[in-house]
């Protein structure tokens, strides 16, 4: 597909995708509150799980060694996306709408 897209967790992990992210991938990402990670590590049984995940999806990012800023995107699978590395066609194919 694109250099601006990387699969992090496949959708076959279902409701445990946020937990898997918290336990295995979060160290590489910024703007994460430690208390939020602990909630996600507890799993979907915690009543704050989905609210915390929603917030994390909105605010978390990763800056790679080349200075590119990556964001989380979940549409079934959990992806790391860097729109700046996508051309317009790739952007529209991935997000389903033209770049504005």
N, C-alpha and C. Protein backbone atom coordinates (compact mmCIF):
# COMPACT_ATOMS: atom_id res chain seq x y z
N UNK A 1 0.84 -1.20 0.00
CA UNK A 1 0.00 0.00 0.00
C UNK A 1 0.87 1.25 0.00
N UNK A 2 1.19 1.75 1.15
CA UNK A 2 1.85 3.04 1.26
C UNK A 2 2.94 3.00 2.32
N UNK A 3 3.92 3.86 2.17
CA UNK A 3 4.93 4.02 3.22
C UNK A 3 4.35 4.73 4.43
N UNK A 4 3.17 5.31 4.30
CA UNK A 4 2.55 6.06 5.37
C UNK A 4 1.56 5.26 6.20
N UNK A 5 1.57 3.93 6.05
CA UNK A 5 0.62 3.07 6.75
C UNK A 5 1.36 1.84 7.28
N UNK A 6 1.12 1.51 8.54
CA UNK A 6 1.71 0.30 9.12
C UNK A 6 0.66 -0.38 9.99
N UNK A 7 0.44 -1.66 9.76
CA UNK A 7 -0.48 -2.45 10.57
C UNK A 7 0.14 -2.70 11.95
N UNK A 8 -0.59 -2.35 13.00
CA UNK A 8 -0.12 -2.58 14.37
C UNK A 8 -0.74 -3.81 15.00
N UNK A 9 -2.09 -3.92 14.92
CA UNK A 9 -2.79 -5.06 15.52
C UNK A 9 -3.94 -5.43 14.59
N UNK A 10 -4.02 -6.70 14.23
CA UNK A 10 -5.07 -7.18 13.33
C UNK A 10 -6.42 -7.23 14.04
N UNK A 11 -7.46 -7.08 13.24
CA UNK A 11 -8.82 -7.02 13.81
C UNK A 11 -9.27 -8.33 14.43
N UNK A 12 -8.56 -9.44 14.19
CA UNK A 12 -8.97 -10.69 14.81
C UNK A 12 -8.75 -10.68 16.33
N UNK A 13 -8.11 -9.63 16.85
CA UNK A 13 -7.93 -9.48 18.30
C UNK A 13 -9.15 -8.81 18.95
N UNK A 14 -10.06 -8.32 18.12
CA UNK A 14 -11.35 -7.80 18.58
C UNK A 14 -11.26 -6.76 19.69
N UNK A 15 -12.02 -6.99 20.76
CA UNK A 15 -12.12 -6.01 21.84
C UNK A 15 -10.82 -5.89 22.65
N UNK A 16 -9.85 -6.73 22.35
CA UNK A 16 -8.59 -6.68 23.08
C UNK A 16 -7.51 -5.86 22.37
N UNK A 17 -7.83 -5.25 21.24
CA UNK A 17 -6.86 -4.42 20.53
C UNK A 17 -6.30 -3.32 21.43
N UNK A 18 -7.13 -2.55 22.16
CA UNK A 18 -6.55 -1.53 23.04
C UNK A 18 -5.62 -2.12 24.11
N UNK A 19 -5.99 -3.25 24.67
CA UNK A 19 -5.16 -3.90 25.69
C UNK A 19 -3.82 -4.33 25.09
N UNK A 20 -3.85 -4.90 23.90
CA UNK A 20 -2.62 -5.34 23.23
C UNK A 20 -1.73 -4.13 22.94
N UNK A 21 -2.34 -3.05 22.49
CA UNK A 21 -1.57 -1.83 22.24
C UNK A 21 -0.90 -1.36 23.52
N UNK A 22 -1.66 -1.30 24.60
CA UNK A 22 -1.12 -0.82 25.88
C UNK A 22 0.01 -1.70 26.39
N UNK A 23 -0.13 -2.99 26.23
CA UNK A 23 0.85 -3.91 26.79
C UNK A 23 2.11 -4.05 25.93
N UNK A 24 1.97 -3.88 24.61
CA UNK A 24 3.09 -4.21 23.72
C UNK A 24 3.63 -3.07 22.87
N UNK A 25 2.86 -2.02 22.66
CA UNK A 25 3.27 -1.01 21.69
C UNK A 25 3.35 0.42 22.23
N UNK A 26 2.73 0.68 23.34
CA UNK A 26 2.56 2.05 23.82
C UNK A 26 3.87 2.78 24.12
N UNK A 27 4.91 2.05 24.45
CA UNK A 27 6.18 2.69 24.81
C UNK A 27 6.73 3.58 23.70
N UNK A 28 6.41 3.29 22.45
CA UNK A 28 6.93 4.07 21.32
C UNK A 28 6.07 5.29 21.00
N UNK A 29 4.99 5.49 21.73
CA UNK A 29 4.04 6.56 21.43
C UNK A 29 4.08 7.64 22.50
N UNK A 30 3.72 8.86 22.12
CA UNK A 30 3.78 10.01 23.02
C UNK A 30 2.38 10.46 23.45
N UNK A 31 2.37 11.32 24.48
CA UNK A 31 1.13 11.89 25.02
C UNK A 31 0.19 10.82 25.58
N UNK A 32 0.77 9.84 26.26
CA UNK A 32 -0.02 8.79 26.90
C UNK A 32 0.07 8.99 28.41
N UNK A 33 -1.07 8.99 29.05
CA UNK A 33 -1.14 9.11 30.50
C UNK A 33 -0.99 7.71 31.10
N UNK A 34 -0.09 7.57 32.05
CA UNK A 34 0.20 6.26 32.65
C UNK A 34 -1.05 5.61 33.24
N UNK A 35 -1.90 6.40 33.87
CA UNK A 35 -3.13 5.84 34.45
C UNK A 35 -4.04 5.26 33.36
N UNK A 36 -4.04 5.90 32.20
CA UNK A 36 -4.83 5.39 31.08
C UNK A 36 -4.29 4.04 30.60
N UNK A 37 -2.98 3.91 30.54
CA UNK A 37 -2.39 2.63 30.16
C UNK A 37 -2.80 1.52 31.13
N UNK A 38 -2.81 1.83 32.40
CA UNK A 38 -3.19 0.83 33.39
C UNK A 38 -4.63 0.38 33.19
N UNK A 39 -5.50 1.31 32.86
CA UNK A 39 -6.91 0.96 32.59
C UNK A 39 -7.00 0.04 31.39
N UNK A 40 -6.28 0.37 30.32
CA UNK A 40 -6.32 -0.46 29.12
C UNK A 40 -5.74 -1.85 29.38
N UNK A 41 -4.71 -1.92 30.19
CA UNK A 41 -4.11 -3.22 30.51
C UNK A 41 -5.06 -4.12 31.29
N UNK A 42 -6.01 -3.52 32.01
CA UNK A 42 -7.01 -4.31 32.73
C UNK A 42 -7.97 -5.00 31.76
N UNK A 43 -8.16 -4.41 30.60
CA UNK A 43 -9.04 -5.00 29.60
C UNK A 43 -10.43 -4.40 29.62
N UNK A 44 -11.29 -4.91 28.75
CA UNK A 44 -12.63 -4.35 28.57
C UNK A 44 -13.54 -4.49 29.77
N UNK A 45 -13.13 -5.24 30.78
CA UNK A 45 -13.93 -5.36 31.99
C UNK A 45 -13.95 -4.04 32.77
N UNK A 46 -12.92 -3.21 32.58
CA UNK A 46 -12.89 -1.90 33.24
C UNK A 46 -13.89 -0.98 32.56
N UNK A 47 -14.75 -0.34 33.33
CA UNK A 47 -15.82 0.49 32.74
C UNK A 47 -15.29 1.72 32.01
N UNK A 48 -14.02 2.09 32.22
CA UNK A 48 -13.44 3.25 31.54
C UNK A 48 -12.66 2.87 30.27
N UNK A 49 -12.57 1.59 29.98
CA UNK A 49 -11.75 1.07 28.87
C UNK A 49 -12.00 1.78 27.55
N UNK A 50 -13.25 1.85 27.11
CA UNK A 50 -13.54 2.41 25.78
C UNK A 50 -13.38 3.93 25.76
N UNK A 51 -13.71 4.60 26.86
CA UNK A 51 -13.52 6.05 26.91
C UNK A 51 -12.03 6.40 26.85
N UNK A 52 -11.23 5.66 27.59
CA UNK A 52 -9.78 5.88 27.59
C UNK A 52 -9.21 5.61 26.20
N UNK A 53 -9.67 4.54 25.57
CA UNK A 53 -9.18 4.19 24.23
C UNK A 53 -9.55 5.29 23.23
N UNK A 54 -10.74 5.78 23.32
CA UNK A 54 -11.17 6.87 22.43
C UNK A 54 -10.27 8.09 22.59
N UNK A 55 -9.98 8.46 23.83
CA UNK A 55 -9.08 9.59 24.09
C UNK A 55 -7.68 9.31 23.54
N UNK A 56 -7.20 8.11 23.76
CA UNK A 56 -5.86 7.77 23.31
C UNK A 56 -5.77 7.84 21.78
N UNK A 57 -6.81 7.39 21.12
CA UNK A 57 -6.84 7.44 19.65
C UNK A 57 -6.80 8.89 19.16
N UNK A 58 -7.34 9.81 19.93
CA UNK A 58 -7.40 11.21 19.53
C UNK A 58 -6.11 11.98 19.80
N UNK A 59 -5.36 11.59 20.83
CA UNK A 59 -4.25 12.44 21.26
C UNK A 59 -2.86 11.82 21.12
N UNK A 60 -2.78 10.53 20.98
CA UNK A 60 -1.49 9.85 20.93
C UNK A 60 -0.86 9.99 19.56
N UNK A 61 0.46 10.15 19.54
CA UNK A 61 1.18 10.18 18.28
C UNK A 61 2.59 9.62 18.49
N UNK A 62 3.26 9.39 17.38
CA UNK A 62 4.63 8.88 17.39
C UNK A 62 5.41 9.68 16.35
N UNK A 63 6.60 10.12 16.72
CA UNK A 63 7.49 10.79 15.77
C UNK A 63 8.64 9.83 15.48
N UNK A 64 8.79 9.47 14.21
CA UNK A 64 9.84 8.51 13.86
C UNK A 64 11.20 9.20 13.77
N UNK A 65 12.22 8.43 13.47
CA UNK A 65 13.60 8.94 13.44
C UNK A 65 13.83 9.97 12.34
N UNK A 66 12.92 10.04 11.38
CA UNK A 66 13.04 11.02 10.30
C UNK A 66 12.16 12.24 10.53
N UNK A 67 11.51 12.30 11.70
CA UNK A 67 10.67 13.44 12.04
C UNK A 67 9.24 13.37 11.55
N UNK A 68 8.83 12.23 11.00
CA UNK A 68 7.45 12.06 10.54
C UNK A 68 6.53 11.78 11.71
N UNK A 69 5.38 12.43 11.72
CA UNK A 69 4.42 12.26 12.81
C UNK A 69 3.34 11.25 12.41
N UNK A 70 3.22 10.20 13.22
CA UNK A 70 2.29 9.10 13.00
C UNK A 70 1.14 9.18 14.00
N UNK A 71 -0.03 8.72 13.57
CA UNK A 71 -1.23 8.72 14.40
C UNK A 71 -1.83 7.33 14.41
N UNK A 72 -2.65 7.06 15.41
CA UNK A 72 -3.39 5.80 15.46
C UNK A 72 -4.67 5.94 14.66
N UNK A 73 -5.03 4.87 13.96
CA UNK A 73 -6.27 4.83 13.19
C UNK A 73 -6.82 3.42 13.30
N UNK A 74 -8.07 3.29 13.75
CA UNK A 74 -8.67 1.98 13.86
C UNK A 74 -9.92 1.91 13.01
N UNK A 75 -9.88 0.97 12.09
CA UNK A 75 -11.03 0.65 11.25
C UNK A 75 -11.00 -0.87 11.11
N UNK A 76 -11.45 -1.54 12.16
CA UNK A 76 -11.22 -2.98 12.26
C UNK A 76 -9.81 -3.18 12.80
N UNK A 77 -8.82 -3.25 11.90
CA UNK A 77 -7.42 -3.33 12.30
C UNK A 77 -6.99 -2.01 12.94
N UNK A 78 -5.92 -2.08 13.73
CA UNK A 78 -5.31 -0.87 14.28
C UNK A 78 -4.09 -0.54 13.44
N UNK A 79 -4.05 0.67 12.93
CA UNK A 79 -2.98 1.13 12.04
C UNK A 79 -2.23 2.30 12.65
N UNK A 80 -0.98 2.42 12.27
CA UNK A 80 -0.23 3.66 12.45
C UNK A 80 -0.24 4.32 11.08
N UNK A 81 -0.64 5.58 11.04
CA UNK A 81 -0.73 6.29 9.75
C UNK A 81 0.03 7.61 9.83
N UNK A 82 0.69 7.91 8.73
CA UNK A 82 1.38 9.19 8.57
C UNK A 82 0.88 9.80 7.26
N UNK A 83 -0.16 10.64 7.33
CA UNK A 83 -0.72 11.21 6.11
C UNK A 83 0.29 11.96 5.25
N UNK A 84 1.30 12.55 5.86
CA UNK A 84 2.30 13.29 5.09
C UNK A 84 3.11 12.39 4.16
N UNK A 85 3.19 11.11 4.45
CA UNK A 85 3.93 10.17 3.60
C UNK A 85 3.07 9.55 2.51
N UNK A 86 1.76 9.84 2.52
CA UNK A 86 0.85 9.29 1.52
C UNK A 86 0.69 10.29 0.38
N UNK A 87 0.61 9.76 -0.85
CA UNK A 87 0.20 10.66 -1.94
C UNK A 87 -1.32 10.78 -1.90
N UNK A 88 -1.88 11.65 -2.71
CA UNK A 88 -3.32 11.92 -2.65
C UNK A 88 -4.15 10.67 -2.95
N UNK A 89 -3.70 9.84 -3.88
CA UNK A 89 -4.44 8.63 -4.22
C UNK A 89 -4.44 7.64 -3.05
N UNK A 90 -3.29 7.44 -2.42
CA UNK A 90 -3.20 6.55 -1.27
C UNK A 90 -4.06 7.06 -0.12
N UNK A 91 -4.02 8.35 0.11
CA UNK A 91 -4.81 8.96 1.17
C UNK A 91 -6.30 8.67 0.96
N UNK A 92 -6.78 8.91 -0.25
CA UNK A 92 -8.20 8.69 -0.54
C UNK A 92 -8.56 7.21 -0.44
N UNK A 93 -7.68 6.34 -0.91
CA UNK A 93 -7.95 4.90 -0.83
C UNK A 93 -8.04 4.43 0.62
N UNK A 94 -7.17 4.94 1.46
CA UNK A 94 -7.15 4.49 2.86
C UNK A 94 -8.28 5.09 3.68
N UNK A 95 -8.47 6.41 3.58
CA UNK A 95 -9.45 7.10 4.42
C UNK A 95 -10.83 7.20 3.78
N UNK A 96 -10.95 6.89 2.49
CA UNK A 96 -12.25 6.89 1.84
C UNK A 96 -12.77 8.27 1.47
N UNK A 97 -11.90 9.27 1.50
CA UNK A 97 -12.29 10.63 1.11
C UNK A 97 -11.05 11.36 0.62
N UNK A 98 -11.25 12.33 -0.26
CA UNK A 98 -10.08 13.07 -0.76
C UNK A 98 -9.44 13.91 0.34
N UNK A 99 -8.15 14.14 0.17
CA UNK A 99 -7.42 15.00 1.08
C UNK A 99 -7.92 16.43 0.90
N UNK A 100 -8.13 17.13 2.02
CA UNK A 100 -8.61 18.52 1.92
C UNK A 100 -7.49 19.49 2.20
